[in-house]
Amino acid sequence: MAMKTVFTTGEVADICKVSQQTVIRCFDSGKLKGFRVPGSKFRRIPRESLLEFMKENGIPLDSLESGKKRVLVVDDDEAILEMLTDLLERDGRFEVRVARGGYEAGMLTQEFGPDVIILDYKLPDINGNHVCRTIRSNLNFSHVKIIIISGVADPDEIAMLKEAGADDFLRKPFQIDELIGRILQLVQV
């Protein structure tokens, strides 16, 4: 399983069980090492710096690795995002983030480091096959499994998506149990 290597201040706050403001103060005072995202005010904390900070401050390290599989759900339909997030988190084996388009999916793949991406084929900015190709072109994401979901189930399109790098295809509407089964099969939990 690929481990998350860079954390946001919000994620560090959750892991260390402190407020985000406390994390920001520790970062700004130099107690917590990290970097700012160029051209923005966002702070990022590398895994090694977080480990060092946790050890120095007696924070239990077990909260750093939840052992949950990270799932990125990419869809422009808020109802689907909400339903999938709720059902996957309730299952207890998954940590879930959402993206509403292909560009955001690319950014979150870099930041969140998902094990599985549940990707809607028809997105408002770029199609799922383009997202697949982009992710597959980055060797750092070779372990990421991609499940395409779509109401479109034309055999030629499904073949094209698999050729673009999708590991699986699920036609909408689908049963959540079937989706969970496919995720677990792909990541061998």
N, C-alpha and C. Protein backbone atom coordinates (compact mmCIF):
# COMPACT_ATOMS: atom_id res chain seq x y z
N MET A 1 0.84 -1.19 0.00
CA MET A 1 0.00 0.00 0.00
C MET A 1 0.89 1.25 0.00
N ALA A 2 0.59 2.18 -0.88
CA ALA A 2 1.37 3.41 -0.92
C ALA A 2 0.97 4.27 0.28
N MET A 3 1.97 4.82 0.93
CA MET A 3 1.68 5.65 2.09
C MET A 3 1.60 7.10 1.67
N LYS A 4 0.77 7.82 2.35
CA LYS A 4 0.64 9.25 2.12
C LYS A 4 1.95 9.90 2.53
N THR A 5 2.49 10.77 1.69
CA THR A 5 3.80 11.37 1.97
C THR A 5 3.74 12.84 2.35
N VAL A 6 2.64 13.51 2.01
CA VAL A 6 2.51 14.94 2.32
C VAL A 6 1.11 15.19 2.87
N PHE A 7 1.04 15.98 3.94
CA PHE A 7 -0.23 16.22 4.61
C PHE A 7 -0.60 17.69 4.63
N THR A 8 -1.92 17.96 4.64
CA THR A 8 -2.41 19.33 4.81
C THR A 8 -2.43 19.63 6.31
N THR A 9 -2.58 20.91 6.68
CA THR A 9 -2.66 21.26 8.10
C THR A 9 -3.90 20.65 8.75
N GLY A 10 -4.99 20.54 7.99
CA GLY A 10 -6.22 19.91 8.50
C GLY A 10 -6.01 18.44 8.81
N GLU A 11 -5.30 17.74 7.91
CA GLU A 11 -5.02 16.32 8.13
C GLU A 11 -4.11 16.13 9.34
N VAL A 12 -3.09 17.01 9.47
CA VAL A 12 -2.19 16.92 10.62
C VAL A 12 -2.97 17.17 11.91
N ALA A 13 -3.90 18.13 11.88
CA ALA A 13 -4.73 18.42 13.06
C ALA A 13 -5.53 17.18 13.46
N ASP A 14 -6.13 16.49 12.48
CA ASP A 14 -6.90 15.27 12.76
C ASP A 14 -6.00 14.18 13.34
N ILE A 15 -4.84 13.98 12.74
CA ILE A 15 -3.91 12.93 13.18
C ILE A 15 -3.42 13.20 14.61
N CYS A 16 -3.06 14.47 14.88
CA CYS A 16 -2.50 14.83 16.18
C CYS A 16 -3.57 15.18 17.22
N LYS A 17 -4.83 15.21 16.77
CA LYS A 17 -5.96 15.54 17.65
C LYS A 17 -5.79 16.91 18.33
N VAL A 18 -5.45 17.89 17.51
CA VAL A 18 -5.36 19.28 17.95
C VAL A 18 -6.10 20.13 16.92
N SER A 19 -6.24 21.42 17.20
CA SER A 19 -6.94 22.28 16.24
C SER A 19 -6.00 22.60 15.06
N GLN A 20 -6.62 22.97 13.95
CA GLN A 20 -5.85 23.34 12.78
C GLN A 20 -5.02 24.60 13.09
N GLN A 21 -5.57 25.51 13.89
CA GLN A 21 -4.82 26.73 14.28
C GLN A 21 -3.54 26.37 15.02
N THR A 22 -3.61 25.34 15.89
CA THR A 22 -2.42 24.90 16.62
C THR A 22 -1.36 24.40 15.64
N VAL A 23 -1.79 23.64 14.65
CA VAL A 23 -0.86 23.12 13.64
C VAL A 23 -0.23 24.28 12.88
N ILE A 24 -1.04 25.25 12.49
CA ILE A 24 -0.55 26.42 11.75
C ILE A 24 0.47 27.21 12.60
N ARG A 25 0.16 27.39 13.90
CA ARG A 25 1.09 28.09 14.79
C ARG A 25 2.42 27.33 14.88
N CYS A 26 2.35 26.00 15.03
CA CYS A 26 3.57 25.18 15.11
C CYS A 26 4.37 25.27 13.81
N PHE A 27 3.65 25.30 12.68
CA PHE A 27 4.30 25.41 11.37
C PHE A 27 4.97 26.77 11.24
N ASP A 28 4.22 27.84 11.54
CA ASP A 28 4.72 29.20 11.39
C ASP A 28 5.88 29.50 12.33
N SER A 29 5.92 28.86 13.51
CA SER A 29 7.01 29.10 14.46
C SER A 29 8.22 28.19 14.18
N GLY A 30 8.08 27.27 13.21
CA GLY A 30 9.20 26.40 12.86
C GLY A 30 9.27 25.10 13.66
N LYS A 31 8.32 24.89 14.58
CA LYS A 31 8.32 23.64 15.37
C LYS A 31 7.91 22.45 14.50
N LEU A 32 7.10 22.72 13.49
CA LEU A 32 6.64 21.68 12.56
C LEU A 32 7.16 22.07 11.19
N LYS A 33 8.06 21.27 10.65
CA LYS A 33 8.71 21.60 9.37
C LYS A 33 7.79 21.23 8.20
N GLY A 34 7.86 22.06 7.17
CA GLY A 34 7.08 21.81 5.98
C GLY A 34 7.37 22.85 4.93
N PHE A 35 6.44 23.02 4.01
CA PHE A 35 6.64 24.01 2.95
C PHE A 35 5.29 24.61 2.56
N ARG A 36 5.36 25.74 1.88
CA ARG A 36 4.14 26.36 1.34
C ARG A 36 4.01 25.99 -0.13
N VAL A 37 2.78 25.78 -0.55
CA VAL A 37 2.52 25.49 -1.96
C VAL A 37 2.79 26.79 -2.72
N PRO A 38 3.69 26.75 -3.73
CA PRO A 38 4.03 27.98 -4.46
C PRO A 38 2.79 28.71 -4.98
N GLY A 39 2.78 30.01 -4.78
CA GLY A 39 1.69 30.85 -5.29
C GLY A 39 0.41 30.78 -4.46
N SER A 40 0.48 30.16 -3.27
CA SER A 40 -0.72 30.09 -2.43
C SER A 40 -0.33 30.23 -0.97
N LYS A 41 -1.33 30.25 -0.10
CA LYS A 41 -1.05 30.31 1.34
C LYS A 41 -1.06 28.92 1.97
N PHE A 42 -1.29 27.88 1.18
CA PHE A 42 -1.40 26.52 1.72
C PHE A 42 -0.08 26.00 2.25
N ARG A 43 -0.15 25.38 3.41
CA ARG A 43 1.03 24.77 4.02
C ARG A 43 0.93 23.26 3.84
N ARG A 44 2.07 22.61 3.62
CA ARG A 44 2.10 21.15 3.48
C ARG A 44 3.20 20.60 4.37
N ILE A 45 2.93 19.46 4.98
CA ILE A 45 3.87 18.86 5.92
C ILE A 45 4.28 17.48 5.41
N PRO A 46 5.57 17.29 5.09
CA PRO A 46 6.03 15.96 4.65
C PRO A 46 5.92 14.95 5.79
N ARG A 47 5.72 13.69 5.44
CA ARG A 47 5.55 12.60 6.40
C ARG A 47 6.68 12.55 7.44
N GLU A 48 7.94 12.68 6.98
CA GLU A 48 9.08 12.58 7.91
C GLU A 48 9.01 13.69 8.96
N SER A 49 8.64 14.91 8.53
CA SER A 49 8.53 16.04 9.46
C SER A 49 7.41 15.79 10.47
N LEU A 50 6.30 15.23 9.99
CA LEU A 50 5.18 14.94 10.87
C LEU A 50 5.57 13.87 11.91
N LEU A 51 6.26 12.83 11.46
CA LEU A 51 6.72 11.77 12.38
C LEU A 51 7.63 12.36 13.46
N GLU A 52 8.57 13.18 13.04
CA GLU A 52 9.51 13.80 13.97
C GLU A 52 8.76 14.66 15.00
N PHE A 53 7.81 15.46 14.52
CA PHE A 53 7.01 16.32 15.37
C PHE A 53 6.20 15.50 16.38
N MET A 54 5.60 14.40 15.90
CA MET A 54 4.78 13.55 16.77
C MET A 54 5.65 12.92 17.86
N LYS A 55 6.84 12.44 17.49
CA LYS A 55 7.75 11.83 18.47
C LYS A 55 8.18 12.86 19.51
N GLU A 56 8.58 14.05 19.04
CA GLU A 56 9.04 15.11 19.95
C GLU A 56 7.96 15.53 20.95
N ASN A 57 6.71 15.45 20.52
CA ASN A 57 5.61 15.92 21.36
C ASN A 57 4.81 14.79 22.01
N GLY A 58 5.33 13.57 21.94
CA GLY A 58 4.67 12.43 22.59
C GLY A 58 3.30 12.10 22.06
N ILE A 59 3.09 12.34 20.77
CA ILE A 59 1.80 12.03 20.14
C ILE A 59 1.88 10.60 19.60
N PRO A 60 0.91 9.73 19.98
CA PRO A 60 0.95 8.33 19.51
C PRO A 60 0.99 8.25 17.98
N LEU A 61 1.88 7.42 17.46
CA LEU A 61 2.06 7.31 16.01
C LEU A 61 0.99 6.46 15.35
N ASP A 62 0.23 5.70 16.16
CA ASP A 62 -0.76 4.80 15.54
C ASP A 62 -1.85 5.55 14.78
N SER A 63 -2.08 6.83 15.12
CA SER A 63 -3.11 7.59 14.41
C SER A 63 -2.64 8.03 13.02
N LEU A 64 -1.35 7.90 12.76
CA LEU A 64 -0.82 8.32 11.45
C LEU A 64 -1.28 7.37 10.34
N GLU A 65 -1.26 6.08 10.61
CA GLU A 65 -1.71 5.12 9.60
C GLU A 65 -2.99 4.46 10.07
N SER A 66 -4.09 4.85 9.48
CA SER A 66 -5.38 4.30 9.89
C SER A 66 -5.54 2.88 9.37
N GLY A 67 -4.76 2.53 8.34
CA GLY A 67 -4.91 1.20 7.75
C GLY A 67 -6.09 1.15 6.78
N LYS A 68 -6.82 2.25 6.67
CA LYS A 68 -7.96 2.28 5.76
C LYS A 68 -7.48 2.50 4.33
N LYS A 69 -8.21 1.93 3.39
CA LYS A 69 -7.92 2.16 1.98
C LYS A 69 -8.45 3.53 1.61
N ARG A 70 -7.64 4.29 0.88
CA ARG A 70 -8.04 5.63 0.47
C ARG A 70 -8.76 5.56 -0.87
N VAL A 71 -9.97 6.13 -0.89
CA VAL A 71 -10.81 6.10 -2.09
C VAL A 71 -11.12 7.54 -2.50
N LEU A 72 -10.84 7.85 -3.76
CA LEU A 72 -11.20 9.15 -4.33
C LEU A 72 -12.40 8.94 -5.24
N VAL A 73 -13.51 9.61 -4.93
CA VAL A 73 -14.72 9.51 -5.75
C VAL A 73 -14.78 10.75 -6.62
N VAL A 74 -14.83 10.55 -7.95
CA VAL A 74 -14.85 11.66 -8.89
C VAL A 74 -16.16 11.64 -9.67
N ASP A 75 -17.02 12.63 -9.41
CA ASP A 75 -18.31 12.71 -10.09
C ASP A 75 -18.80 14.14 -9.97
N ASP A 76 -19.58 14.60 -10.94
CA ASP A 76 -20.10 15.97 -10.86
C ASP A 76 -21.51 15.98 -10.28
N ASP A 77 -22.04 14.82 -9.91
CA ASP A 77 -23.37 14.71 -9.34
C ASP A 77 -23.26 14.69 -7.81
N GLU A 78 -23.69 15.78 -7.16
CA GLU A 78 -23.56 15.91 -5.70
C GLU A 78 -24.25 14.77 -4.96
N ALA A 79 -25.40 14.32 -5.46
CA ALA A 79 -26.13 13.25 -4.78
C ALA A 79 -25.31 11.96 -4.78
N ILE A 80 -24.66 11.67 -5.89
CA ILE A 80 -23.82 10.46 -5.97
C ILE A 80 -22.61 10.60 -5.05
N LEU A 81 -21.97 11.78 -5.07
CA LEU A 81 -20.81 12.01 -4.19
C LEU A 81 -21.20 11.81 -2.73
N GLU A 82 -22.33 12.39 -2.34
CA GLU A 82 -22.77 12.31 -0.96
C GLU A 82 -23.10 10.86 -0.57
N MET A 83 -23.83 10.17 -1.45
CA MET A 83 -24.23 8.79 -1.17
C MET A 83 -23.00 7.88 -1.05
N LEU A 84 -22.09 7.96 -2.03
CA LEU A 84 -20.92 7.08 -2.01
C LEU A 84 -20.02 7.38 -0.81
N THR A 85 -19.81 8.66 -0.51
CA THR A 85 -18.99 9.03 0.64
C THR A 85 -19.59 8.44 1.91
N ASP A 86 -20.89 8.65 2.09
CA ASP A 86 -21.57 8.18 3.29
C ASP A 86 -21.49 6.65 3.41
N LEU A 87 -21.80 5.94 2.34
CA LEU A 87 -21.82 4.48 2.39
C LEU A 87 -20.42 3.88 2.55
N LEU A 88 -19.44 4.44 1.87
CA LEU A 88 -18.07 3.91 1.97
C LEU A 88 -17.48 4.18 3.35
N GLU A 89 -17.71 5.40 3.88
CA GLU A 89 -17.18 5.71 5.22
C GLU A 89 -17.88 4.87 6.28
N ARG A 90 -19.18 4.65 6.11
CA ARG A 90 -19.93 3.85 7.08
C ARG A 90 -19.42 2.41 7.10
N ASP A 91 -18.93 1.92 5.97
CA ASP A 91 -18.37 0.57 5.88
C ASP A 91 -17.20 0.41 6.87
N GLY A 92 -16.44 1.52 7.07
CA GLY A 92 -15.36 1.50 8.05
C GLY A 92 -13.99 1.12 7.52
N ARG A 93 -13.91 0.64 6.29
CA ARG A 93 -12.62 0.22 5.73
C ARG A 93 -12.01 1.25 4.80
N PHE A 94 -12.72 2.39 4.62
CA PHE A 94 -12.28 3.35 3.62
C PHE A 94 -12.19 4.77 4.18
N GLU A 95 -11.20 5.49 3.67
CA GLU A 95 -11.09 6.93 3.91
C GLU A 95 -11.44 7.55 2.56
N VAL A 96 -12.39 8.47 2.52
CA VAL A 96 -12.94 8.96 1.25
C VAL A 96 -12.71 10.46 1.06
N ARG A 97 -12.34 10.82 -0.15
CA ARG A 97 -12.29 12.23 -0.58
C ARG A 97 -13.08 12.30 -1.88
N VAL A 98 -13.53 13.50 -2.23
CA VAL A 98 -14.30 13.66 -3.46
C VAL A 98 -13.72 14.76 -4.34
N ALA A 99 -13.91 14.58 -5.64
CA ALA A 99 -13.55 15.60 -6.63
C ALA A 99 -14.75 15.72 -7.57
N ARG A 100 -14.97 16.94 -8.04
CA ARG A 100 -16.14 17.18 -8.89
C ARG A 100 -15.80 17.29 -10.38
N GLY A 101 -14.53 17.10 -10.71
CA GLY A 101 -14.12 17.18 -12.11
C GLY A 101 -12.76 16.54 -12.29
N GLY A 102 -12.34 16.43 -13.54
CA GLY A 102 -11.08 15.78 -13.86
C GLY A 102 -9.86 16.53 -13.36
N TYR A 103 -9.88 17.85 -13.45
CA TYR A 103 -8.73 18.64 -13.00
C TYR A 103 -8.56 18.48 -11.49
N GLU A 104 -9.68 18.61 -10.76
CA GLU A 104 -9.64 18.45 -9.30
C GLU A 104 -9.20 17.03 -8.93
N ALA A 105 -9.62 16.05 -9.73
CA ALA A 105 -9.22 14.65 -9.48
C ALA A 105 -7.70 14.52 -9.58
N GLY A 106 -7.10 15.18 -10.56
CA GLY A 106 -5.65 15.14 -10.71
C GLY A 106 -4.94 15.75 -9.52
N MET A 107 -5.44 16.89 -9.06
CA MET A 107 -4.85 17.56 -7.90
C MET A 107 -4.95 16.69 -6.64
N LEU A 108 -6.15 16.11 -6.43
CA LEU A 108 -6.36 15.30 -5.23
C LEU A 108 -5.60 13.98 -5.29
N THR A 109 -5.38 13.45 -6.50
CA THR A 109 -4.60 12.22 -6.62
C THR A 109 -3.19 12.48 -6.12
N GLN A 110 -2.64 13.64 -6.47
CA GLN A 110 -1.29 14.02 -6.00
C GLN A 110 -1.27 14.19 -4.48
N GLU A 111 -2.28 14.89 -3.96
CA GLU A 111 -2.30 15.26 -2.55
C GLU A 111 -2.73 14.12 -1.63
N PHE A 112 -3.78 13.39 -2.00
CA PHE A 112 -4.41 12.39 -1.14
C PHE A 112 -3.78 11.00 -1.31
N GLY A 113 -3.24 10.73 -2.49
CA GLY A 113 -2.62 9.43 -2.73
C GLY A 113 -3.60 8.28 -2.59
N PRO A 114 -4.68 8.27 -3.39
CA PRO A 114 -5.69 7.22 -3.23
C PRO A 114 -5.18 5.84 -3.65
N ASP A 115 -5.80 4.82 -3.07
CA ASP A 115 -5.55 3.44 -3.50
C ASP A 115 -6.48 3.12 -4.67
N VAL A 116 -7.69 3.71 -4.63
CA VAL A 116 -8.70 3.46 -5.65
C VAL A 116 -9.36 4.78 -6.03
N ILE A 117 -9.61 4.94 -7.33
CA ILE A 117 -10.37 6.10 -7.81
C ILE A 117 -11.65 5.56 -8.44
N ILE A 118 -12.78 6.05 -7.94
CA ILE A 118 -14.07 5.73 -8.55
C ILE A 118 -14.38 6.93 -9.44
N LEU A 119 -14.35 6.71 -10.73
CA LEU A 119 -14.33 7.81 -11.69
C LEU A 119 -15.53 7.79 -12.62
N ASP A 120 -16.30 8.85 -12.60
CA ASP A 120 -17.42 8.99 -13.53
C ASP A 120 -16.84 9.23 -14.93
N TYR A 121 -17.40 8.57 -15.92
CA TYR A 121 -16.87 8.71 -17.28
C TYR A 121 -17.13 10.10 -17.86
N LYS A 122 -18.35 10.61 -17.66
CA LYS A 122 -18.72 11.91 -18.24
C LYS A 122 -18.58 13.01 -17.20
N LEU A 123 -17.48 13.74 -17.27
CA LEU A 123 -17.23 14.84 -16.34
C LEU A 123 -17.40 16.17 -17.08
N PRO A 124 -17.67 17.25 -16.34
CA PRO A 124 -17.91 18.53 -17.02
C PRO A 124 -16.67 19.12 -17.71
N ASP A 125 -15.46 18.83 -17.17
CA ASP A 125 -14.27 19.44 -17.77
C ASP A 125 -13.54 18.51 -18.74
N ILE A 126 -13.19 17.29 -18.29
CA ILE A 126 -12.54 16.33 -19.19
C ILE A 126 -13.11 14.95 -18.94
N ASN A 127 -13.14 14.13 -19.99
CA ASN A 127 -13.71 12.79 -19.87
C ASN A 127 -12.84 11.86 -19.05
N GLY A 128 -13.47 10.82 -18.52
CA GLY A 128 -12.79 9.84 -17.69
C GLY A 128 -11.61 9.18 -18.36
N ASN A 129 -11.70 8.95 -19.68
CA ASN A 129 -10.57 8.30 -20.35
C ASN A 129 -9.32 9.19 -20.34
N HIS A 130 -9.52 10.50 -20.39
CA HIS A 130 -8.38 11.43 -20.32
C HIS A 130 -7.77 11.42 -18.92
N VAL A 131 -8.65 11.38 -17.89
CA VAL A 131 -8.18 11.31 -16.51
C VAL A 131 -7.38 10.02 -16.32
N CYS A 132 -7.91 8.90 -16.83
CA CYS A 132 -7.20 7.60 -16.74
C CYS A 132 -5.81 7.70 -17.36
N ARG A 133 -5.75 8.22 -18.56
CA ARG A 133 -4.45 8.32 -19.26
C ARG A 133 -3.46 9.18 -18.48
N THR A 134 -3.95 10.30 -17.94
CA THR A 134 -3.08 11.20 -17.18
C THR A 134 -2.53 10.50 -15.94
N ILE A 135 -3.39 9.80 -15.22
CA ILE A 135 -2.94 9.09 -14.02
C ILE A 135 -1.98 7.97 -14.40
N ARG A 136 -2.29 7.24 -15.45
CA ARG A 136 -1.45 6.12 -15.88
C ARG A 136 -0.09 6.59 -16.41
N SER A 137 0.00 7.85 -16.85
CA SER A 137 1.27 8.36 -17.38
C SER A 137 2.24 8.71 -16.26
N ASN A 138 1.77 8.74 -15.00
CA ASN A 138 2.62 9.08 -13.86
C ASN A 138 2.98 7.79 -13.10
N LEU A 139 4.25 7.42 -13.13
CA LEU A 139 4.69 6.17 -12.49
C LEU A 139 4.41 6.13 -10.99
N ASN A 140 4.33 7.31 -10.34
CA ASN A 140 4.02 7.34 -8.91
C ASN A 140 2.63 6.79 -8.61
N PHE A 141 1.77 6.74 -9.63
CA PHE A 141 0.39 6.28 -9.42
C PHE A 141 0.13 4.93 -10.06
N SER A 142 1.18 4.18 -10.34
CA SER A 142 0.98 2.89 -11.02
C SER A 142 0.18 1.91 -10.16
N HIS A 143 0.19 2.09 -8.83
CA HIS A 143 -0.55 1.19 -7.93
C HIS A 143 -2.03 1.56 -7.83
N VAL A 144 -2.41 2.76 -8.27
CA VAL A 144 -3.78 3.24 -8.10
C VAL A 144 -4.72 2.44 -9.02
N LYS A 145 -5.79 1.93 -8.44
CA LYS A 145 -6.80 1.20 -9.21
C LYS A 145 -7.90 2.18 -9.59
N ILE A 146 -8.39 2.06 -10.82
CA ILE A 146 -9.42 2.97 -11.32
C ILE A 146 -10.66 2.18 -11.73
N ILE A 147 -11.78 2.54 -11.10
CA ILE A 147 -13.07 1.94 -11.47
C ILE A 147 -13.90 3.04 -12.12
N ILE A 148 -14.27 2.83 -13.38
CA ILE A 148 -15.10 3.80 -14.10
C ILE A 148 -16.56 3.47 -13.79
N ILE A 149 -17.34 4.52 -13.49
CA ILE A 149 -18.79 4.33 -13.35
C ILE A 149 -19.46 5.20 -14.40
N SER A 150 -20.48 4.65 -15.03
CA SER A 150 -21.16 5.41 -16.07
C SER A 150 -22.49 4.78 -16.43
N GLY A 151 -23.41 5.62 -16.88
CA GLY A 151 -24.68 5.12 -17.40
C GLY A 151 -24.48 4.67 -18.84
N VAL A 152 -23.41 5.14 -19.47
CA VAL A 152 -23.08 4.75 -20.84
C VAL A 152 -22.35 3.41 -20.78
N ALA A 153 -22.86 2.44 -21.49
CA ALA A 153 -22.21 1.14 -21.42
C ALA A 153 -21.98 0.55 -22.81
N ASP A 154 -21.62 1.41 -23.74
CA ASP A 154 -21.32 0.97 -25.10
C ASP A 154 -20.04 0.13 -25.05
N PRO A 155 -20.06 -1.11 -25.57
CA PRO A 155 -18.88 -1.99 -25.48
C PRO A 155 -17.60 -1.35 -26.03
N ASP A 156 -17.70 -0.55 -27.10
CA ASP A 156 -16.52 0.10 -27.66
C ASP A 156 -15.94 1.13 -26.68
N GLU A 157 -16.84 1.87 -26.01
CA GLU A 157 -16.37 2.86 -25.03
C GLU A 157 -15.73 2.18 -23.83
N ILE A 158 -16.32 1.07 -23.39
CA ILE A 158 -15.75 0.33 -22.26
C ILE A 158 -14.35 -0.17 -22.63
N ALA A 159 -14.21 -0.69 -23.83
CA ALA A 159 -12.89 -1.16 -24.31
C ALA A 159 -11.89 0.00 -24.34
N MET A 160 -12.35 1.16 -24.82
CA MET A 160 -11.48 2.34 -24.89
C MET A 160 -11.04 2.76 -23.48
N LEU A 161 -11.95 2.72 -22.51
CA LEU A 161 -11.64 3.09 -21.14
C LEU A 161 -10.62 2.13 -20.53
N LYS A 162 -10.80 0.85 -20.80
CA LYS A 162 -9.84 -0.14 -20.27
C LYS A 162 -8.47 0.07 -20.91
N GLU A 163 -8.48 0.40 -22.19
CA GLU A 163 -7.22 0.68 -22.89
C GLU A 163 -6.55 1.94 -22.32
N ALA A 164 -7.37 2.90 -21.88
CA ALA A 164 -6.85 4.14 -21.29
C ALA A 164 -6.29 3.92 -19.88
N GLY A 165 -6.59 2.75 -19.30
CA GLY A 165 -6.02 2.45 -17.99
C GLY A 165 -7.00 2.11 -16.90
N ALA A 166 -8.29 2.06 -17.21
CA ALA A 166 -9.27 1.69 -16.18
C ALA A 166 -9.10 0.22 -15.83
N ASP A 167 -9.22 -0.09 -14.53
CA ASP A 167 -9.11 -1.48 -14.08
C ASP A 167 -10.45 -2.19 -14.11
N ASP A 168 -11.54 -1.42 -14.01
CA ASP A 168 -12.86 -2.03 -13.94
C ASP A 168 -13.89 -1.03 -14.42
N PHE A 169 -15.09 -1.53 -14.72
CA PHE A 169 -16.18 -0.68 -15.18
C PHE A 169 -17.45 -1.13 -14.47
N LEU A 170 -18.23 -0.17 -13.99
CA LEU A 170 -19.49 -0.47 -13.33
C LEU A 170 -20.56 0.43 -13.90
N ARG A 171 -21.64 -0.20 -14.37
CA ARG A 171 -22.72 0.58 -14.99
C ARG A 171 -23.64 1.16 -13.92
N LYS A 172 -23.98 2.46 -14.08
CA LYS A 172 -24.96 3.10 -13.20
C LYS A 172 -26.35 2.68 -13.67
N PRO A 173 -27.30 2.50 -12.80
CA PRO A 173 -27.18 2.43 -11.34
C PRO A 173 -26.58 1.09 -10.92
N PHE A 174 -25.91 1.08 -9.77
CA PHE A 174 -25.30 -0.16 -9.28
C PHE A 174 -25.58 -0.29 -7.78
N GLN A 175 -25.38 -1.47 -7.28
CA GLN A 175 -25.55 -1.72 -5.84
C GLN A 175 -24.24 -1.38 -5.14
N ILE A 176 -24.31 -0.72 -3.99
CA ILE A 176 -23.11 -0.35 -3.25
C ILE A 176 -22.29 -1.59 -2.87
N ASP A 177 -22.97 -2.68 -2.56
CA ASP A 177 -22.25 -3.92 -2.21
C ASP A 177 -21.38 -4.40 -3.37
N GLU A 178 -21.90 -4.24 -4.58
CA GLU A 178 -21.12 -4.64 -5.76
C GLU A 178 -19.89 -3.75 -5.90
N LEU A 179 -20.06 -2.44 -5.69
CA LEU A 179 -18.93 -1.51 -5.78
C LEU A 179 -17.88 -1.84 -4.71
N ILE A 180 -18.31 -2.04 -3.47
CA ILE A 180 -17.38 -2.37 -2.38
C ILE A 180 -16.64 -3.67 -2.70
N GLY A 181 -17.37 -4.65 -3.21
CA GLY A 181 -16.76 -5.92 -3.60
C GLY A 181 -15.66 -5.73 -4.64
N ARG A 182 -15.94 -4.89 -5.62
CA ARG A 182 -14.96 -4.64 -6.68
C ARG A 182 -13.75 -3.89 -6.13
N ILE A 183 -13.98 -2.92 -5.24
CA ILE A 183 -12.86 -2.18 -4.62
C ILE A 183 -11.97 -3.16 -3.87
N LEU A 184 -12.59 -3.99 -3.02
CA LEU A 184 -11.83 -4.92 -2.19
C LEU A 184 -11.07 -5.92 -3.05
N GLN A 185 -11.69 -6.34 -4.15
CA GLN A 185 -11.03 -7.28 -5.07
C GLN A 185 -9.78 -6.63 -5.67
N LEU A 186 -9.89 -5.36 -6.06
CA LEU A 186 -8.77 -4.66 -6.69
C LEU A 186 -7.63 -4.37 -5.72
N VAL A 187 -7.97 -4.04 -4.47
CA VAL A 187 -6.90 -3.69 -3.52
C VAL A 187 -6.57 -4.84 -2.58
N GLN A 188 -7.24 -5.96 -2.74
CA GLN A 188 -7.00 -7.15 -1.91
C GLN A 188 -6.86 -6.84 -0.44
N VAL A 189 -7.96 -6.36 0.14
CA VAL A 189 -7.95 -6.03 1.57
C VAL A 189 -7.94 -7.34 2.36
